[in-house]
Amino acid sequence: MAKKELIDPSGFTRGSLDYWAAHKGELGNIQKARCGGQGGKILEIEGTEGVMRLTGCTCGYGGEGPQGTAEVLKDIGVSHQDAVELMQLEAFQVLVQCCRD
């Protein structure tokens, strides 16, 4: 069975964070987060049940979009220091073990 695909339609950071808060439970156990590379500079969160693309959460600089990325990363168990470092990279992928209720 194919995983559910959730795409935040907002294109801005606050909208992406609201979308994350409303729909993160639909992803199942979180396994991976990535940004940059072939998928573009938007944050993608992959879980056992689905994949979410947050169009307003980005990476590669220190602005509002990457700050949103850091917020989501911390929510899935990435340390504050690691989240701040990752958001500034042009591309990253991080494996996590995070459960949703």
PDB file of N, CA and C in Angstrom:
ATOM      1  N   MET A   1       0.835  -1.183   0.000  1.00  0.00           N
ATOM      2  CA  MET A   1       0.000   0.000   0.000  1.00  0.00           C
ATOM      3  C   MET A   1       0.882   1.249   0.000  1.00  0.00           C
ATOM      4  N   ALA A   2       0.546   2.219  -0.824  1.00  0.00           N
ATOM      5  CA  ALA A   2       1.313   3.459  -0.929  1.00  0.00           C
ATOM      6  C   ALA A   2       1.111   4.321   0.308  1.00  0.00           C
ATOM      7  N   LYS A   3       2.159   5.039   0.648  1.00  0.00           N
ATOM      8  CA  LYS A   3       2.069   5.954   1.777  1.00  0.00           C
ATOM      9  C   LYS A   3       1.231   7.172   1.396  1.00  0.00           C
ATOM     10  N   LYS A   4       0.562   7.719   2.393  1.00  0.00           N
ATOM     11  CA  LYS A   4      -0.211   8.947   2.221  1.00  0.00           C
ATOM     12  C   LYS A   4       0.753  10.099   1.944  1.00  0.00           C
ATOM     13  N   GLU A   5       0.394  10.974   0.991  1.00  0.00           N
ATOM     14  CA  GLU A   5       1.203  12.159   0.703  1.00  0.00           C
ATOM     15  C   GLU A   5       0.439  13.391   1.162  1.00  0.00           C
ATOM     16  N   LEU A   6       1.069  14.144   2.056  1.00  0.00           N
ATOM     17  CA  LEU A   6       0.477  15.372   2.580  1.00  0.00           C
ATOM     18  C   LEU A   6       1.356  16.532   2.151  1.00  0.00           C
ATOM     19  N   ILE A   7       0.783  17.501   1.459  1.00  0.00           N
ATOM     20  CA  ILE A   7       1.541  18.652   0.988  1.00  0.00           C
ATOM     21  C   ILE A   7       0.883  19.920   1.502  1.00  0.00           C
ATOM     22  N   ASP A   8       1.630  20.645   2.306  1.00  0.00           N
ATOM     23  CA  ASP A   8       1.157  21.917   2.832  1.00  0.00           C
ATOM     24  C   ASP A   8       1.049  22.907   1.679  1.00  0.00           C
ATOM     25  N   PRO A   9      -0.139  23.459   1.438  1.00  0.00           N
ATOM     26  CA  PRO A   9      -0.319  24.344   0.297  1.00  0.00           C
ATOM     27  C   PRO A   9       0.041  25.808   0.560  1.00  0.00           C
ATOM     28  N   SER A  10       0.423  26.161   1.777  1.00  0.00           N
ATOM     29  CA  SER A  10       0.552  27.575   2.133  1.00  0.00           C
ATOM     30  C   SER A  10       1.730  28.291   1.482  1.00  0.00           C
ATOM     31  N   GLY A  11       2.901  27.665   1.487  1.00  0.00           N
ATOM     32  CA  GLY A  11       4.083  28.321   0.946  1.00  0.00           C
ATOM     33  C   GLY A  11       4.721  29.329   1.891  1.00  0.00           C
ATOM     34  N   PHE A  12       4.236  29.433   3.114  1.00  0.00           N
ATOM     35  CA  PHE A  12       4.865  30.334   4.078  1.00  0.00           C
ATOM     36  C   PHE A  12       5.041  29.615   5.417  1.00  0.00           C
ATOM     37  N   THR A  13       5.988  30.077   6.196  1.00  0.00           N
ATOM     38  CA  THR A  13       6.428  29.346   7.379  1.00  0.00           C
ATOM     39  C   THR A  13       5.314  29.117   8.394  1.00  0.00           C
ATOM     40  N   ARG A  14       4.607  30.149   8.783  1.00  0.00           N
ATOM     41  CA  ARG A  14       3.560  29.994   9.801  1.00  0.00           C
ATOM     42  C   ARG A  14       2.487  29.013   9.317  1.00  0.00           C
ATOM     43  N   GLY A  15       2.130  29.087   8.042  1.00  0.00           N
ATOM     44  CA  GLY A  15       1.159  28.154   7.485  1.00  0.00           C
ATOM     45  C   GLY A  15       1.660  26.718   7.544  1.00  0.00           C
ATOM     46  N   SER A  16       2.945  26.522   7.278  1.00  0.00           N
ATOM     47  CA  SER A  16       3.528  25.183   7.337  1.00  0.00           C
ATOM     48  C   SER A  16       3.539  24.647   8.763  1.00  0.00           C
ATOM     49  N   LEU A  17       3.869  25.503   9.717  1.00  0.00           N
ATOM     50  CA  LEU A  17       3.877  25.065  11.113  1.00  0.00           C
ATOM     51  C   LEU A  17       2.471  24.724  11.591  1.00  0.00           C
ATOM     52  N   ASP A  18       1.480  25.483  11.166  1.00  0.00           N
ATOM     53  CA  ASP A  18       0.085  25.165  11.498  1.00  0.00           C
ATOM     54  C   ASP A  18      -0.336  23.842  10.852  1.00  0.00           C
ATOM     55  N   TYR A  19       0.066  23.635   9.591  1.00  0.00           N
ATOM     56  CA  TYR A  19      -0.254  22.393   8.883  1.00  0.00           C
ATOM     57  C   TYR A  19       0.403  21.208   9.591  1.00  0.00           C
ATOM     58  N   TRP A  20       1.662  21.360   9.987  1.00  0.00           N
ATOM     59  CA  TRP A  20       2.375  20.325  10.725  1.00  0.00           C
ATOM     60  C   TRP A  20       1.619  19.965  11.998  1.00  0.00           C
ATOM     61  N   ALA A  21       1.235  20.968  12.761  1.00  0.00           N
ATOM     62  CA  ALA A  21       0.539  20.729  14.027  1.00  0.00           C
ATOM     63  C   ALA A  21      -0.787  19.997  13.808  1.00  0.00           C
ATOM     64  N   ALA A  22      -1.489  20.348  12.742  1.00  0.00           N
ATOM     65  CA  ALA A  22      -2.802  19.756  12.480  1.00  0.00           C
ATOM     66  C   ALA A  22      -2.731  18.345  11.907  1.00  0.00           C
ATOM     67  N   HIS A  23      -1.652  18.009  11.187  1.00  0.00           N
ATOM     68  CA  HIS A  23      -1.615  16.749  10.429  1.00  0.00           C
ATOM     69  C   HIS A  23      -0.481  15.794  10.775  1.00  0.00           C
ATOM     70  N   LYS A  24       0.390  16.149  11.699  1.00  0.00           N
ATOM     71  CA  LYS A  24       1.543  15.290  11.981  1.00  0.00           C
ATOM     72  C   LYS A  24       1.154  13.896  12.464  1.00  0.00           C
ATOM     73  N   GLY A  25       0.029  13.777  13.109  1.00  0.00           N
ATOM     74  CA  GLY A  25      -0.428  12.475  13.587  1.00  0.00           C
ATOM     75  C   GLY A  25      -0.775  11.500  12.478  1.00  0.00           C
ATOM     76  N   GLU A  26      -0.968  11.990  11.270  1.00  0.00           N
ATOM     77  CA  GLU A  26      -1.310  11.136  10.129  1.00  0.00           C
ATOM     78  C   GLU A  26      -0.095  10.417   9.540  1.00  0.00           C
ATOM     79  N   LEU A  27       1.098  10.764   9.997  1.00  0.00           N
ATOM     80  CA  LEU A  27       2.313  10.184   9.430  1.00  0.00           C
ATOM     81  C   LEU A  27       2.733   8.875  10.081  1.00  0.00           C
ATOM     82  N   GLY A  28       2.141   8.535  11.207  1.00  0.00           N
ATOM     83  CA  GLY A  28       2.584   7.355  11.945  1.00  0.00           C
ATOM     84  C   GLY A  28       3.887   7.661  12.662  1.00  0.00           C
ATOM     85  N   ASN A  29       4.704   6.648  12.877  1.00  0.00           N
ATOM     86  CA  ASN A  29       6.002   6.852  13.529  1.00  0.00           C
ATOM     87  C   ASN A  29       6.938   7.568  12.563  1.00  0.00           C
ATOM     88  N   ILE A  30       7.526   8.666  13.019  1.00  0.00           N
ATOM     89  CA  ILE A  30       8.423   9.452  12.175  1.00  0.00           C
ATOM     90  C   ILE A  30       9.756   8.712  12.044  1.00  0.00           C
ATOM     91  N   GLN A  31      10.243   8.628  10.802  1.00  0.00           N
ATOM     92  CA  GLN A  31      11.477   7.898  10.524  1.00  0.00           C
ATOM     93  C   GLN A  31      12.599   8.781   9.994  1.00  0.00           C
ATOM     94  N   LYS A  32      12.241   9.823   9.229  1.00  0.00           N
ATOM     95  CA  LYS A  32      13.271  10.546   8.497  1.00  0.00           C
ATOM     96  C   LYS A  32      12.803  11.973   8.225  1.00  0.00           C
ATOM     97  N   ALA A  33      13.762  12.895   8.216  1.00  0.00           N
ATOM     98  CA  ALA A  33      13.506  14.271   7.785  1.00  0.00           C
ATOM     99  C   ALA A  33      14.595  14.646   6.798  1.00  0.00           C
ATOM    100  N   ARG A  34      14.225  15.368   5.753  1.00  0.00           N
ATOM    101  CA  ARG A  34      15.226  15.798   4.778  1.00  0.00           C
ATOM    102  C   ARG A  34      14.812  17.134   4.169  1.00  0.00           C
ATOM    103  N   CYS A  35      15.817  17.834   3.687  1.00  0.00           N
ATOM    104  CA  CYS A  35      15.591  19.121   3.039  1.00  0.00           C
ATOM    105  C   CYS A  35      16.712  19.321   2.035  1.00  0.00           C
ATOM    106  N   GLY A  36      16.398  19.958   0.927  1.00  0.00           N
ATOM    107  CA  GLY A  36      17.407  20.208  -0.098  1.00  0.00           C
ATOM    108  C   GLY A  36      17.558  19.014  -1.020  1.00  0.00           C
ATOM    109  N   GLY A  37      18.527  19.085  -1.885  1.00  0.00           N
ATOM    110  CA  GLY A  37      18.748  18.000  -2.835  1.00  0.00           C
ATOM    111  C   GLY A  37      17.717  18.024  -3.947  1.00  0.00           C
ATOM    112  N   GLN A  38      17.380  16.857  -4.466  1.00  0.00           N
ATOM    113  CA  GLN A  38      16.466  16.751  -5.600  1.00  0.00           C
ATOM    114  C   GLN A  38      15.045  17.209  -5.267  1.00  0.00           C
ATOM    115  N   GLY A  39      14.662  17.127  -4.011  1.00  0.00           N
ATOM    116  CA  GLY A  39      13.318  17.533  -3.616  1.00  0.00           C
ATOM    117  C   GLY A  39      13.146  19.031  -3.482  1.00  0.00           C
ATOM    118  N   GLY A  40      14.195  19.807  -3.765  1.00  0.00           N
ATOM    119  CA  GLY A  40      14.133  21.241  -3.569  1.00  0.00           C
ATOM    120  C   GLY A  40      14.408  21.579  -2.114  1.00  0.00           C
ATOM    121  N   LYS A  41      14.366  22.836  -1.801  1.00  0.00           N
ATOM    122  CA  LYS A  41      14.709  23.269  -0.444  1.00  0.00           C
ATOM    123  C   LYS A  41      13.489  23.387   0.444  1.00  0.00           C
ATOM    124  N   ILE A  42      12.637  22.376   0.404  1.00  0.00           N
ATOM    125  CA  ILE A  42      11.516  22.321   1.340  1.00  0.00           C
ATOM    126  C   ILE A  42      11.699  21.116   2.249  1.00  0.00           C
ATOM    127  N   LEU A  43      11.149  21.215   3.442  1.00  0.00           N
ATOM    128  CA  LEU A  43      11.283  20.152   4.424  1.00  0.00           C
ATOM    129  C   LEU A  43      10.317  19.017   4.111  1.00  0.00           C
ATOM    130  N   GLU A  44      10.828  17.814   4.142  1.00  0.00           N
ATOM    131  CA  GLU A  44      10.014  16.618   3.943  1.00  0.00           C
ATOM    132  C   GLU A  44      10.182  15.725   5.166  1.00  0.00           C
ATOM    133  N   ILE A  45       9.062  15.320   5.752  1.00  0.00           N
ATOM    134  CA  ILE A  45       9.058  14.446   6.914  1.00  0.00           C
ATOM    135  C   ILE A  45       8.422  13.127   6.486  1.00  0.00           C
ATOM    136  N   GLU A  46       9.121  12.030   6.745  1.00  0.00           N
ATOM    137  CA  GLU A  46       8.610  10.718   6.356  1.00  0.00           C
ATOM    138  C   GLU A  46       8.323   9.874   7.594  1.00  0.00           C
ATOM    139  N   GLY A  47       7.136   9.301   7.599  1.00  0.00           N
ATOM    140  CA  GLY A  47       6.748   8.401   8.676  1.00  0.00           C
ATOM    141  C   GLY A  47       6.319   7.057   8.117  1.00  0.00           C
ATOM    142  N   THR A  48       5.912   6.149   8.990  1.00  0.00           N
ATOM    143  CA  THR A  48       5.505   4.818   8.560  1.00  0.00           C
ATOM    144  C   THR A  48       4.222   4.846   7.742  1.00  0.00           C
ATOM    145  N   GLU A  49       3.390   5.860   7.941  1.00  0.00           N
ATOM    146  CA  GLU A  49       2.101   5.926   7.256  1.00  0.00           C
ATOM    147  C   GLU A  49       2.035   6.964   6.142  1.00  0.00           C
ATOM    148  N   GLY A  50       2.995   7.889   6.091  1.00  0.00           N
ATOM    149  CA  GLY A  50       2.904   8.931   5.081  1.00  0.00           C
ATOM    150  C   GLY A  50       4.126   9.818   5.022  1.00  0.00           C
ATOM    151  N   VAL A  51       4.094  10.722   4.043  1.00  0.00           N
ATOM    152  CA  VAL A  51       5.151  11.699   3.818  1.00  0.00           C
ATOM    153  C   VAL A  51       4.510  13.072   3.783  1.00  0.00           C
ATOM    154  N   MET A  52       5.120  14.038   4.468  1.00  0.00           N
ATOM    155  CA  MET A  52       4.610  15.399   4.477  1.00  0.00           C
ATOM    156  C   MET A  52       5.672  16.341   3.927  1.00  0.00           C
ATOM    157  N   ARG A  53       5.245  17.214   3.018  1.00  0.00           N
ATOM    158  CA  ARG A  53       6.127  18.251   2.478  1.00  0.00           C
ATOM    159  C   ARG A  53       5.626  19.600   2.986  1.00  0.00           C
ATOM    160  N   LEU A  54       6.511  20.288   3.692  1.00  0.00           N
ATOM    161  CA  LEU A  54       6.162  21.585   4.284  1.00  0.00           C
ATOM    162  C   LEU A  54       6.799  22.683   3.447  1.00  0.00           C
ATOM    163  N   THR A  55       5.998  23.310   2.584  1.00  0.00           N
ATOM    164  CA  THR A  55       6.491  24.247   1.580  1.00  0.00           C
ATOM    165  C   THR A  55       7.050  25.547   2.149  1.00  0.00           C
ATOM    166  N   GLY A  56       6.707  25.879   3.379  1.00  0.00           N
ATOM    167  CA  GLY A  56       7.215  27.100   3.995  1.00  0.00           C
ATOM    168  C   GLY A  56       8.390  26.860   4.927  1.00  0.00           C
ATOM    169  N   CYS A  57       8.792  25.605   5.077  1.00  0.00           N
ATOM    170  CA  CYS A  57       9.952  25.257   5.902  1.00  0.00           C
ATOM    171  C   CYS A  57      11.078  24.881   4.960  1.00  0.00           C
ATOM    172  N   THR A  58      12.171  25.617   5.020  1.00  0.00           N
ATOM    173  CA  THR A  58      13.250  25.480   4.053  1.00  0.00           C
ATOM    174  C   THR A  58      14.583  25.272   4.767  1.00  0.00           C
ATOM    175  N   CYS A  59      15.673  25.281   4.003  1.00  0.00           N
ATOM    176  CA  CYS A  59      17.006  25.121   4.583  1.00  0.00           C
ATOM    177  C   CYS A  59      18.011  25.896   3.752  1.00  0.00           C
ATOM    178  N   GLY A  60      19.196  26.084   4.319  1.00  0.00           N
ATOM    179  CA  GLY A  60      20.289  26.669   3.565  1.00  0.00           C
ATOM    180  C   GLY A  60      20.646  28.098   3.919  1.00  0.00           C
ATOM    181  N   TYR A  61      19.960  28.688   4.867  1.00  0.00           N
ATOM    182  CA  TYR A  61      20.278  30.056   5.289  1.00  0.00           C
ATOM    183  C   TYR A  61      19.678  30.260   6.683  1.00  0.00           C
ATOM    184  N   GLY A  62      19.720  31.434   7.222  1.00  0.00           N
ATOM    185  CA  GLY A  62      19.284  31.655   8.594  1.00  0.00           C
ATOM    186  C   GLY A  62      17.955  32.366   8.737  1.00  0.00           C
ATOM    187  N   GLY A  63      17.118  32.361   7.712  1.00  0.00           N
ATOM    188  CA  GLY A  63      15.870  33.121   7.739  1.00  0.00           C
ATOM    189  C   GLY A  63      14.702  32.403   8.395  1.00  0.00           C
ATOM    190  N   GLU A  64      13.516  32.939   8.152  1.00  0.00           N
ATOM    191  CA  GLU A  64      12.296  32.433   8.770  1.00  0.00           C
ATOM    192  C   GLU A  64      11.969  30.996   8.346  1.00  0.00           C
ATOM    193  N   GLY A  65      12.118  30.673   7.068  1.00  0.00           N
ATOM    194  CA  GLY A  65      11.831  29.314   6.593  1.00  0.00           C
ATOM    195  C   GLY A  65      12.666  28.259   7.301  1.00  0.00           C
ATOM    196  N   PRO A  66      13.991  28.443   7.371  1.00  0.00           N
ATOM    197  CA  PRO A  66      14.812  27.497   8.110  1.00  0.00           C
ATOM    198  C   PRO A  66      14.513  27.477   9.614  1.00  0.00           C
ATOM    199  N   GLN A  67      14.097  28.606  10.176  1.00  0.00           N
ATOM    200  CA  GLN A  67      13.701  28.616  11.592  1.00  0.00           C
ATOM    201  C   GLN A  67      12.499  27.691  11.797  1.00  0.00           C
ATOM    202  N   GLY A  68      11.568  27.685  10.839  1.00  0.00           N
ATOM    203  CA  GLY A  68      10.434  26.766  10.901  1.00  0.00           C
ATOM    204  C   GLY A  68      10.889  25.321  10.817  1.00  0.00           C
ATOM    205  N   THR A  69      11.865  25.069   9.951  1.00  0.00           N
ATOM    206  CA  THR A  69      12.431  23.725   9.835  1.00  0.00           C
ATOM    207  C   THR A  69      13.012  23.275  11.175  1.00  0.00           C
ATOM    208  N   ALA A  70      13.765  24.157  11.827  1.00  0.00           N
ATOM    209  CA  ALA A  70      14.356  23.824  13.122  1.00  0.00           C
ATOM    210  C   ALA A  70      13.272  23.506  14.148  1.00  0.00           C
ATOM    211  N   GLU A  71      12.173  24.245  14.106  1.00  0.00           N
ATOM    212  CA  GLU A  71      11.072  24.004  15.045  1.00  0.00           C
ATOM    213  C   GLU A  71      10.482  22.601  14.856  1.00  0.00           C
ATOM    214  N   VAL A  72      10.274  22.206  13.605  1.00  0.00           N
ATOM    215  CA  VAL A  72       9.735  20.874  13.319  1.00  0.00           C
ATOM    216  C   VAL A  72      10.746  19.800  13.723  1.00  0.00           C
ATOM    217  N   LEU A  73      12.013  20.023  13.396  1.00  0.00           N
ATOM    218  CA  LEU A  73      13.040  19.047  13.763  1.00  0.00           C
ATOM    219  C   LEU A  73      13.073  18.822  15.271  1.00  0.00           C
ATOM    220  N   LYS A  74      12.986  19.881  16.043  1.00  0.00           N
ATOM    221  CA  LYS A  74      12.974  19.737  17.507  1.00  0.00           C
ATOM    222  C   LYS A  74      11.735  18.964  17.954  1.00  0.00           C
ATOM    223  N   ASP A  75      10.625  19.174  17.271  1.00  0.00           N
ATOM    224  CA  ASP A  75       9.391  18.473  17.621  1.00  0.00           C
ATOM    225  C   ASP A  75       9.496  16.967  17.388  1.00  0.00           C
ATOM    226  N   ILE A  76      10.358  16.558  16.459  1.00  0.00           N
ATOM    227  CA  ILE A  76      10.506  15.123  16.195  1.00  0.00           C
ATOM    228  C   ILE A  76      11.712  14.526  16.915  1.00  0.00           C
ATOM    229  N   GLY A  77      12.293  15.271  17.841  1.00  0.00           N
ATOM    230  CA  GLY A  77      13.326  14.710  18.686  1.00  0.00           C
ATOM    231  C   GLY A  77      14.757  15.103  18.388  1.00  0.00           C
ATOM    232  N   VAL A  78      14.979  15.975  17.419  1.00  0.00           N
ATOM    233  CA  VAL A  78      16.332  16.451  17.124  1.00  0.00           C
ATOM    234  C   VAL A  78      16.690  17.503  18.178  1.00  0.00           C
ATOM    235  N   SER A  79      17.901  17.457  18.679  1.00  0.00           N
ATOM    236  CA  SER A  79      18.316  18.427  19.698  1.00  0.00           C
ATOM    237  C   SER A  79      18.294  19.843  19.128  1.00  0.00           C
ATOM    238  N   HIS A  80      18.175  20.824  20.004  1.00  0.00           N
ATOM    239  CA  HIS A  80      18.165  22.225  19.576  1.00  0.00           C
ATOM    240  C   HIS A  80      19.423  22.553  18.780  1.00  0.00           C
ATOM    241  N   GLN A  81      20.589  22.179  19.313  1.00  0.00           N
ATOM    242  CA  GLN A  81      21.851  22.485  18.648  1.00  0.00           C
ATOM    243  C   GLN A  81      21.914  21.849  17.257  1.00  0.00           C
ATOM    244  N   ASP A  82      21.540  20.581  17.150  1.00  0.00           N
ATOM    245  CA  ASP A  82      21.564  19.904  15.846  1.00  0.00           C
ATOM    246  C   ASP A  82      20.567  20.525  14.878  1.00  0.00           C
ATOM    247  N   ALA A  83      19.378  20.885  15.364  1.00  0.00           N
ATOM    248  CA  ALA A  83      18.358  21.495  14.503  1.00  0.00           C
ATOM    249  C   ALA A  83      18.855  22.820  13.925  1.00  0.00           C
ATOM    250  N   VAL A  84      19.511  23.630  14.745  1.00  0.00           N
ATOM    251  CA  VAL A  84      20.037  24.918  14.287  1.00  0.00           C
ATOM    252  C   VAL A  84      21.143  24.705  13.254  1.00  0.00           C
ATOM    253  N   GLU A  85      21.987  23.713  13.462  1.00  0.00           N
ATOM    254  CA  GLU A  85      23.043  23.426  12.498  1.00  0.00           C
ATOM    255  C   GLU A  85      22.469  22.875  11.190  1.00  0.00           C
ATOM    256  N   LEU A  86      21.514  21.960  11.280  1.00  0.00           N
ATOM    257  CA  LEU A  86      20.928  21.350  10.080  1.00  0.00           C
ATOM    258  C   LEU A  86      20.205  22.376   9.217  1.00  0.00           C
ATOM    259  N   MET A  87      19.458  23.293   9.831  1.00  0.00           N
ATOM    260  CA  MET A  87      18.658  24.249   9.054  1.00  0.00           C
ATOM    261  C   MET A  87      19.520  25.133   8.166  1.00  0.00           C
ATOM    262  N   GLN A  88      20.782  25.303   8.513  1.00  0.00           N
ATOM    263  CA  GLN A  88      21.664  26.174   7.748  1.00  0.00           C
ATOM    264  C   GLN A  88      22.367  25.467   6.590  1.00  0.00           C
ATOM    265  N   LEU A  89      22.253  24.145   6.539  1.00  0.00           N
ATOM    266  CA  LEU A  89      22.874  23.377   5.456  1.00  0.00           C
ATOM    267  C   LEU A  89      22.058  23.494   4.172  1.00  0.00           C
ATOM    268  N   GLU A  90      22.737  23.405   3.040  1.00  0.00           N
ATOM    269  CA  GLU A  90      22.056  23.440   1.738  1.00  0.00           C
ATOM    270  C   GLU A  90      21.163  22.220   1.550  1.00  0.00           C
ATOM    271  N   ALA A  91      21.550  21.103   2.156  1.00  0.00           N
ATOM    272  CA  ALA A  91      20.765  19.872   2.080  1.00  0.00           C
ATOM    273  C   ALA A  91      21.130  19.001   3.280  1.00  0.00           C
ATOM    274  N   PHE A  92      20.152  18.257   3.778  1.00  0.00           N
ATOM    275  CA  PHE A  92      20.420  17.319   4.862  1.00  0.00           C
ATOM    276  C   PHE A  92      19.375  16.222   4.859  1.00  0.00           C
ATOM    277  N   GLN A  93      19.742  15.132   5.482  1.00  0.00           N
ATOM    278  CA  GLN A  93      18.805  14.040   5.771  1.00  0.00           C
ATOM    279  C   GLN A  93      19.170  13.521   7.160  1.00  0.00           C
ATOM    280  N   VAL A  94      18.181  13.342   8.000  1.00  0.00           N
ATOM    281  CA  VAL A  94      18.425  12.859   9.347  1.00  0.00           C
ATOM    282  C   VAL A  94      17.423  11.743   9.640  1.00  0.00           C
ATOM    283  N   LEU A  95      17.918  10.649  10.197  1.00  0.00           N
ATOM    284  CA  LEU A  95      17.069   9.539  10.605  1.00  0.00           C
ATOM    285  C   LEU A  95      16.658   9.758  12.063  1.00  0.00           C
ATOM    286  N   VAL A  96      15.410   9.533  12.343  1.00  0.00           N
ATOM    287  CA  VAL A  96      14.905   9.738  13.701  1.00  0.00           C
ATOM    288  C   VAL A  96      13.990   8.576  14.084  1.00  0.00           C
ATOM    289  N   GLN A  97      13.726   8.466  15.353  1.00  0.00           N
ATOM    290  CA  GLN A  97      12.736   7.512  15.857  1.00  0.00           C
ATOM    291  C   GLN A  97      11.809   8.310  16.750  1.00  0.00           C
ATOM    292  N   CYS A  98      10.679   8.633  16.207  1.00  0.00           N
ATOM    293  CA  CYS A  98       9.732   9.455  16.949  1.00  0.00           C
ATOM    294  C   CYS A  98       8.335   8.929  16.755  1.00  0.00           C
ATOM    295  N   CYS A  99       7.631   8.789  17.811  1.00  0.00           N
ATOM    296  CA  CYS A  99       6.284   8.247  17.731  1.00  0.00           C
ATOM    297  C   CYS A  99       5.249   9.345  17.893  1.00  0.00           C
ATOM    298  N   ARG A 100       4.167   9.218  17.197  1.00  0.00           N
ATOM    299  CA  ARG A 100       3.039  10.148  17.250  1.00  0.00           C
ATOM    300  C   ARG A 100       1.849   9.432  17.856  1.00  0.00           C
ATOM    301  N   ASP A 101       1.034  10.173  18.580  1.00  0.00           N
ATOM    302  CA  ASP A 101      -0.198   9.573  19.096  1.00  0.00           C
ATOM    303  C   ASP A 101      -1.377   9.940  18.250  1.00  0.00           C
TER     304      ASP A 101
END
